[in-house]
Amino acid sequence: MQHLRVIAVLIMSIALFGCGFHLRHSQSHLGAKYPAIVLPPSGSNTLYQAIYRALLSSSVNVQDSSNIAGTPRLVILSQQLTQQPLVYGPDAELRRERLRMSVVFSFDDARDNTAKREFELATERDRQLNSKQHLGDNAEKIIIEQEMQADIVSQLIRYLASRPV
């Protein structure tokens, strides 16, 4: 009985350490690194709102504009979603495609005296298509696009957390 408890505790501790909670450590210190960030509305409104909420949850004061010198400025320059056909069926219908979302950002941190940096974050997904269910395919595509936006936002938070101050 004692061995079963030890094994159960070991399995639970391994499961908890393997869940990725330790990877969220950088997000909690983002507010200390950047107390305020200027994020002007640009690009996709849903992407802008997702970034806005992610920065707020990281304890960063997000502003639309600022007259204070030295406030870092993050701008969404462009967002692009591309579709690449991968597999066609015997009836010449598209069966599988690859979606790629890329977002170009500009980050100007006046505190480190560097020029404005532009960087691109991207993510890809493959999806199956069913010629008999166009409505289902469209709904699935919307969900995949939302997941890809969430991936881009988490990549952005990790990028900001990893930048030297």
C-alpha atoms as a PDB file:
ATOM      1  CA  MET A   1       0.000   0.000   0.000  1.00  0.00           C
ATOM      2  CA  GLN A   2       2.851   2.360   0.857  1.00  0.00           C
ATOM      3  CA  HIS A   3       4.529   1.572  -2.470  1.00  0.00           C
ATOM      4  CA  LEU A   4       1.346   2.435  -4.366  1.00  0.00           C
ATOM      5  CA  ARG A   5       1.208   5.853  -2.692  1.00  0.00           C
ATOM      6  CA  VAL A   6       4.833   6.558  -3.551  1.00  0.00           C
ATOM      7  CA  ILE A   7       4.269   5.507  -7.148  1.00  0.00           C
ATOM      8  CA  ALA A   8       1.097   7.629  -7.374  1.00  0.00           C
ATOM      9  CA  VAL A   9       2.925  10.677  -5.994  1.00  0.00           C
ATOM     10  CA  LEU A  10       5.789  10.127  -8.448  1.00  0.00           C
ATOM     11  CA  ILE A  11       3.440   9.827 -11.413  1.00  0.00           C
ATOM     12  CA  MET A  12       1.515  12.954 -10.407  1.00  0.00           C
ATOM     13  CA  SER A  13       4.689  14.974  -9.897  1.00  0.00           C
ATOM     14  CA  ILE A  14       6.097  13.867 -13.256  1.00  0.00           C
ATOM     15  CA  ALA A  15       2.799  14.754 -14.931  1.00  0.00           C
ATOM     16  CA  LEU A  16       2.726  18.212 -13.342  1.00  0.00           C
ATOM     17  CA  PHE A  17       6.332  18.969 -14.223  1.00  0.00           C
ATOM     18  CA  GLY A  18       5.731  17.798 -17.778  1.00  0.00           C
ATOM     19  CA  CYS A  19       2.651  19.980 -18.370  1.00  0.00           C
ATOM     20  CA  GLY A  20       4.630  23.090 -19.270  1.00  0.00           C
ATOM     21  CA  PHE A  21       3.740  25.255 -16.291  1.00  0.00           C
ATOM     22  CA  HIS A  22       7.439  26.004 -15.872  1.00  0.00           C
ATOM     23  CA  LEU A  23       7.485  27.563 -19.361  1.00  0.00           C
ATOM     24  CA  ARG A  24       5.070  30.331 -18.326  1.00  0.00           C
ATOM     25  CA  HIS A  25       7.657  31.796 -15.949  1.00  0.00           C
ATOM     26  CA  SER A  26       8.809  34.455 -18.432  1.00  0.00           C
ATOM     27  CA  GLN A  27       5.319  35.874 -18.885  1.00  0.00           C
ATOM     28  CA  SER A  28       5.024  36.872 -15.230  1.00  0.00           C
ATOM     29  CA  HIS A  29       8.160  39.052 -15.418  1.00  0.00           C
ATOM     30  CA  LEU A  30       7.200  40.861 -18.615  1.00  0.00           C
ATOM     31  CA  GLY A  31       5.491  43.620 -16.610  1.00  0.00           C
ATOM     32  CA  ALA A  32       8.708  44.285 -14.694  1.00  0.00           C
ATOM     33  CA  LYS A  33      10.698  44.401 -17.925  1.00  0.00           C
ATOM     34  CA  TYR A  34       8.248  46.627 -19.809  1.00  0.00           C
ATOM     35  CA  PRO A  35       5.996  48.589 -17.419  1.00  0.00           C
ATOM     36  CA  ALA A  36       4.252  50.184 -20.411  1.00  0.00           C
ATOM     37  CA  ILE A  37       4.105  49.450 -24.132  1.00  0.00           C
ATOM     38  CA  VAL A  38       2.488  51.593 -26.812  1.00  0.00           C
ATOM     39  CA  LEU A  39       0.332  49.402 -29.067  1.00  0.00           C
ATOM     40  CA  PRO A  40      -1.449  51.530 -31.678  1.00  0.00           C
ATOM     41  CA  PRO A  41      -4.509  49.930 -33.296  1.00  0.00           C
ATOM     42  CA  SER A  42      -3.419  48.463 -36.623  1.00  0.00           C
ATOM     43  CA  GLY A  43      -3.781  45.313 -38.645  1.00  0.00           C
ATOM     44  CA  SER A  44      -6.448  42.786 -37.745  1.00  0.00           C
ATOM     45  CA  ASN A  45      -8.716  43.846 -34.896  1.00  0.00           C
ATOM     46  CA  THR A  46      -8.893  40.295 -33.505  1.00  0.00           C
ATOM     47  CA  LEU A  47      -5.097  40.002 -33.494  1.00  0.00           C
ATOM     48  CA  TYR A  48      -4.787  43.451 -31.922  1.00  0.00           C
ATOM     49  CA  GLN A  49      -7.277  42.520 -29.176  1.00  0.00           C
ATOM     50  CA  ALA A  50      -5.494  39.206 -28.515  1.00  0.00           C
ATOM     51  CA  ILE A  51      -2.118  40.948 -28.156  1.00  0.00           C
ATOM     52  CA  TYR A  52      -3.709  43.650 -25.998  1.00  0.00           C
ATOM     53  CA  ARG A  53      -5.220  41.035 -23.643  1.00  0.00           C
ATOM     54  CA  ALA A  54      -1.985  39.005 -23.503  1.00  0.00           C
ATOM     55  CA  LEU A  55       0.062  42.069 -22.564  1.00  0.00           C
ATOM     56  CA  LEU A  56      -2.491  43.081 -19.926  1.00  0.00           C
ATOM     57  CA  SER A  57      -2.414  39.585 -18.428  1.00  0.00           C
ATOM     58  CA  SER A  58       1.382  39.914 -18.282  1.00  0.00           C
ATOM     59  CA  SER A  59       0.982  43.044 -16.105  1.00  0.00           C
ATOM     60  CA  VAL A  60       2.016  45.438 -18.879  1.00  0.00           C
ATOM     61  CA  ASN A  61       0.257  48.808 -19.109  1.00  0.00           C
ATOM     62  CA  VAL A  62      -0.878  48.977 -22.752  1.00  0.00           C
ATOM     63  CA  GLN A  63      -1.445  52.417 -24.276  1.00  0.00           C
ATOM     64  CA  ASP A  64      -2.770  53.491 -27.680  1.00  0.00           C
ATOM     65  CA  SER A  65      -0.381  56.437 -27.814  1.00  0.00           C
ATOM     66  CA  SER A  66       2.141  58.035 -25.496  1.00  0.00           C
ATOM     67  CA  ASN A  67       4.070  61.274 -25.326  1.00  0.00           C
ATOM     68  CA  ILE A  68       6.515  59.845 -22.791  1.00  0.00           C
ATOM     69  CA  ALA A  69       9.976  59.367 -24.291  1.00  0.00           C
ATOM     70  CA  GLY A  70      11.433  55.924 -23.811  1.00  0.00           C
ATOM     71  CA  THR A  71       8.155  54.017 -23.928  1.00  0.00           C
ATOM     72  CA  PRO A  72       8.558  50.929 -26.125  1.00  0.00           C
ATOM     73  CA  ARG A  73       6.315  50.863 -29.194  1.00  0.00           C
ATOM     74  CA  LEU A  74       4.943  47.670 -30.767  1.00  0.00           C
ATOM     75  CA  VAL A  75       3.229  47.992 -34.150  1.00  0.00           C
ATOM     76  CA  ILE A  76       1.537  45.306 -36.250  1.00  0.00           C
ATOM     77  CA  LEU A  77       2.834  46.068 -39.749  1.00  0.00           C
ATOM     78  CA  SER A  78       1.208  43.280 -41.743  1.00  0.00           C
ATOM     79  CA  GLN A  79      -0.631  40.016 -41.373  1.00  0.00           C
ATOM     80  CA  GLN A  80      -0.800  37.441 -44.132  1.00  0.00           C
ATOM     81  CA  LEU A  81      -2.614  34.125 -44.405  1.00  0.00           C
ATOM     82  CA  THR A  82      -1.565  31.895 -47.293  1.00  0.00           C
ATOM     83  CA  GLN A  83      -3.036  28.617 -48.502  1.00  0.00           C
ATOM     84  CA  GLN A  84      -0.850  26.069 -50.240  1.00  0.00           C
ATOM     85  CA  PRO A  85      -2.484  23.038 -51.877  1.00  0.00           C
ATOM     86  CA  LEU A  86      -0.777  19.796 -50.892  1.00  0.00           C
ATOM     87  CA  VAL A  87      -2.835  16.817 -52.074  1.00  0.00           C
ATOM     88  CA  TYR A  88      -5.421  16.456 -54.817  1.00  0.00           C
ATOM     89  CA  GLY A  89      -7.758  13.485 -55.020  1.00  0.00           C
ATOM     90  CA  PRO A  90      -8.421  11.300 -58.077  1.00  0.00           C
ATOM     91  CA  ASP A  91     -11.348  13.555 -58.956  1.00  0.00           C
ATOM     92  CA  ALA A  92      -8.996  16.605 -59.052  1.00  0.00           C
ATOM     93  CA  GLU A  93     -10.526  18.010 -55.853  1.00  0.00           C
ATOM     94  CA  LEU A  94      -8.284  19.480 -53.203  1.00  0.00           C
ATOM     95  CA  ARG A  95      -7.940  17.046 -50.282  1.00  0.00           C
ATOM     96  CA  ARG A  96      -5.260  18.628 -48.072  1.00  0.00           C
ATOM     97  CA  GLU A  97      -3.842  22.122 -47.790  1.00  0.00           C
ATOM     98  CA  ARG A  98      -1.301  23.970 -45.679  1.00  0.00           C
ATOM     99  CA  LEU A  99      -2.259  27.247 -44.022  1.00  0.00           C
ATOM    100  CA  ARG A 100       0.526  29.647 -43.072  1.00  0.00           C
ATOM    101  CA  MET A 101      -0.019  32.777 -41.030  1.00  0.00           C
ATOM    102  CA  SER A 102       2.767  35.310 -40.785  1.00  0.00           C
ATOM    103  CA  VAL A 103       2.698  38.612 -38.947  1.00  0.00           C
ATOM    104  CA  VAL A 104       5.345  41.314 -39.273  1.00  0.00           C
ATOM    105  CA  PHE A 105       5.861  43.471 -36.201  1.00  0.00           C
ATOM    106  CA  SER A 106       7.906  46.562 -35.539  1.00  0.00           C
ATOM    107  CA  PHE A 107       9.306  46.983 -32.024  1.00  0.00           C
ATOM    108  CA  ASP A 108      10.981  50.239 -31.097  1.00  0.00           C
ATOM    109  CA  ASP A 109      12.506  50.190 -27.625  1.00  0.00           C
ATOM    110  CA  ALA A 110      13.905  53.682 -27.140  1.00  0.00           C
ATOM    111  CA  ARG A 111      15.650  52.577 -23.944  1.00  0.00           C
ATOM    112  CA  ASP A 112      18.325  50.480 -25.675  1.00  0.00           C
ATOM    113  CA  ASN A 113      19.250  53.060 -28.366  1.00  0.00           C
ATOM    114  CA  THR A 114      18.790  50.659 -31.253  1.00  0.00           C
ATOM    115  CA  ALA A 115      16.988  51.290 -34.479  1.00  0.00           C
ATOM    116  CA  LYS A 116      13.429  50.154 -34.934  1.00  0.00           C
ATOM    117  CA  ARG A 117      13.447  46.382 -35.321  1.00  0.00           C
ATOM    118  CA  GLU A 118      11.118  44.578 -37.660  1.00  0.00           C
ATOM    119  CA  PHE A 119      10.593  40.877 -37.142  1.00  0.00           C
ATOM    120  CA  GLU A 120       8.254  38.235 -38.476  1.00  0.00           C
ATOM    121  CA  LEU A 121       6.486  35.527 -36.517  1.00  0.00           C
ATOM    122  CA  ALA A 122       4.840  32.675 -38.396  1.00  0.00           C
ATOM    123  CA  THR A 123       3.023  29.419 -37.841  1.00  0.00           C
ATOM    124  CA  GLU A 124       1.716  26.660 -40.130  1.00  0.00           C
ATOM    125  CA  ARG A 125      -1.090  24.127 -40.001  1.00  0.00           C
ATOM    126  CA  ASP A 126      -2.160  21.349 -42.362  1.00  0.00           C
ATOM    127  CA  ARG A 127      -5.825  20.564 -42.768  1.00  0.00           C
ATOM    128  CA  GLN A 128      -7.915  17.894 -44.454  1.00  0.00           C
ATOM    129  CA  LEU A 129     -10.700  18.953 -46.788  1.00  0.00           C
ATOM    130  CA  ASN A 130     -13.927  17.102 -47.421  1.00  0.00           C
ATOM    131  CA  SER A 131     -15.682  17.988 -50.671  1.00  0.00           C
ATOM    132  CA  LYS A 132     -19.045  16.991 -49.207  1.00  0.00           C
ATOM    133  CA  GLN A 133     -18.884  19.335 -46.191  1.00  0.00           C
ATOM    134  CA  HIS A 134     -18.058  22.881 -47.249  1.00  0.00           C
ATOM    135  CA  LEU A 135     -19.690  24.455 -44.177  1.00  0.00           C
ATOM    136  CA  GLY A 136     -17.694  22.209 -41.859  1.00  0.00           C
ATOM    137  CA  ASP A 137     -14.499  22.986 -43.757  1.00  0.00           C
ATOM    138  CA  ASN A 138     -15.105  26.725 -43.450  1.00  0.00           C
ATOM    139  CA  ALA A 139     -15.826  26.460 -39.719  1.00  0.00           C
ATOM    140  CA  GLU A 140     -12.691  24.368 -39.243  1.00  0.00           C
ATOM    141  CA  LYS A 141     -10.644  26.942 -41.151  1.00  0.00           C
ATOM    142  CA  ILE A 142     -11.891  29.724 -38.867  1.00  0.00           C
ATOM    143  CA  ILE A 143     -10.964  27.713 -35.776  1.00  0.00           C
ATOM    144  CA  ILE A 144      -7.517  26.942 -37.209  1.00  0.00           C
ATOM    145  CA  GLU A 145      -6.973  30.648 -37.939  1.00  0.00           C
ATOM    146  CA  GLN A 146      -7.869  31.489 -34.330  1.00  0.00           C
ATOM    147  CA  GLU A 147      -5.410  28.861 -33.067  1.00  0.00           C
ATOM    148  CA  MET A 148      -2.718  30.257 -35.345  1.00  0.00           C
ATOM    149  CA  GLN A 149      -3.336  33.769 -34.006  1.00  0.00           C
ATOM    150  CA  ALA A 150      -3.018  32.435 -30.451  1.00  0.00           C
ATOM    151  CA  ASP A 151       0.302  30.807 -31.422  1.00  0.00           C
ATOM    152  CA  ILE A 152       1.564  34.099 -32.875  1.00  0.00           C
ATOM    153  CA  VAL A 153       0.586  35.957 -29.683  1.00  0.00           C
ATOM    154  CA  SER A 154       2.386  33.435 -27.467  1.00  0.00           C
ATOM    155  CA  GLN A 155       5.460  33.639 -29.737  1.00  0.00           C
ATOM    156  CA  LEU A 156       5.341  37.434 -29.401  1.00  0.00           C
ATOM    157  CA  ILE A 157       5.186  37.276 -25.600  1.00  0.00           C
ATOM    158  CA  ARG A 158       8.150  34.871 -25.551  1.00  0.00           C
ATOM    159  CA  TYR A 159      10.051  37.151 -27.952  1.00  0.00           C
ATOM    160  CA  LEU A 160       9.479  40.195 -25.754  1.00  0.00           C
ATOM    161  CA  ALA A 161      10.422  38.251 -22.623  1.00  0.00           C
ATOM    162  CA  SER A 162      13.656  36.984 -24.183  1.00  0.00           C
ATOM    163  CA  ARG A 163      14.883  40.377 -25.424  1.00  0.00           C
ATOM    164  CA  PRO A 164      17.701  41.875 -23.374  1.00  0.00           C
ATOM    165  CA  VAL A 165      16.869  45.187 -21.728  1.00  0.00           C
END
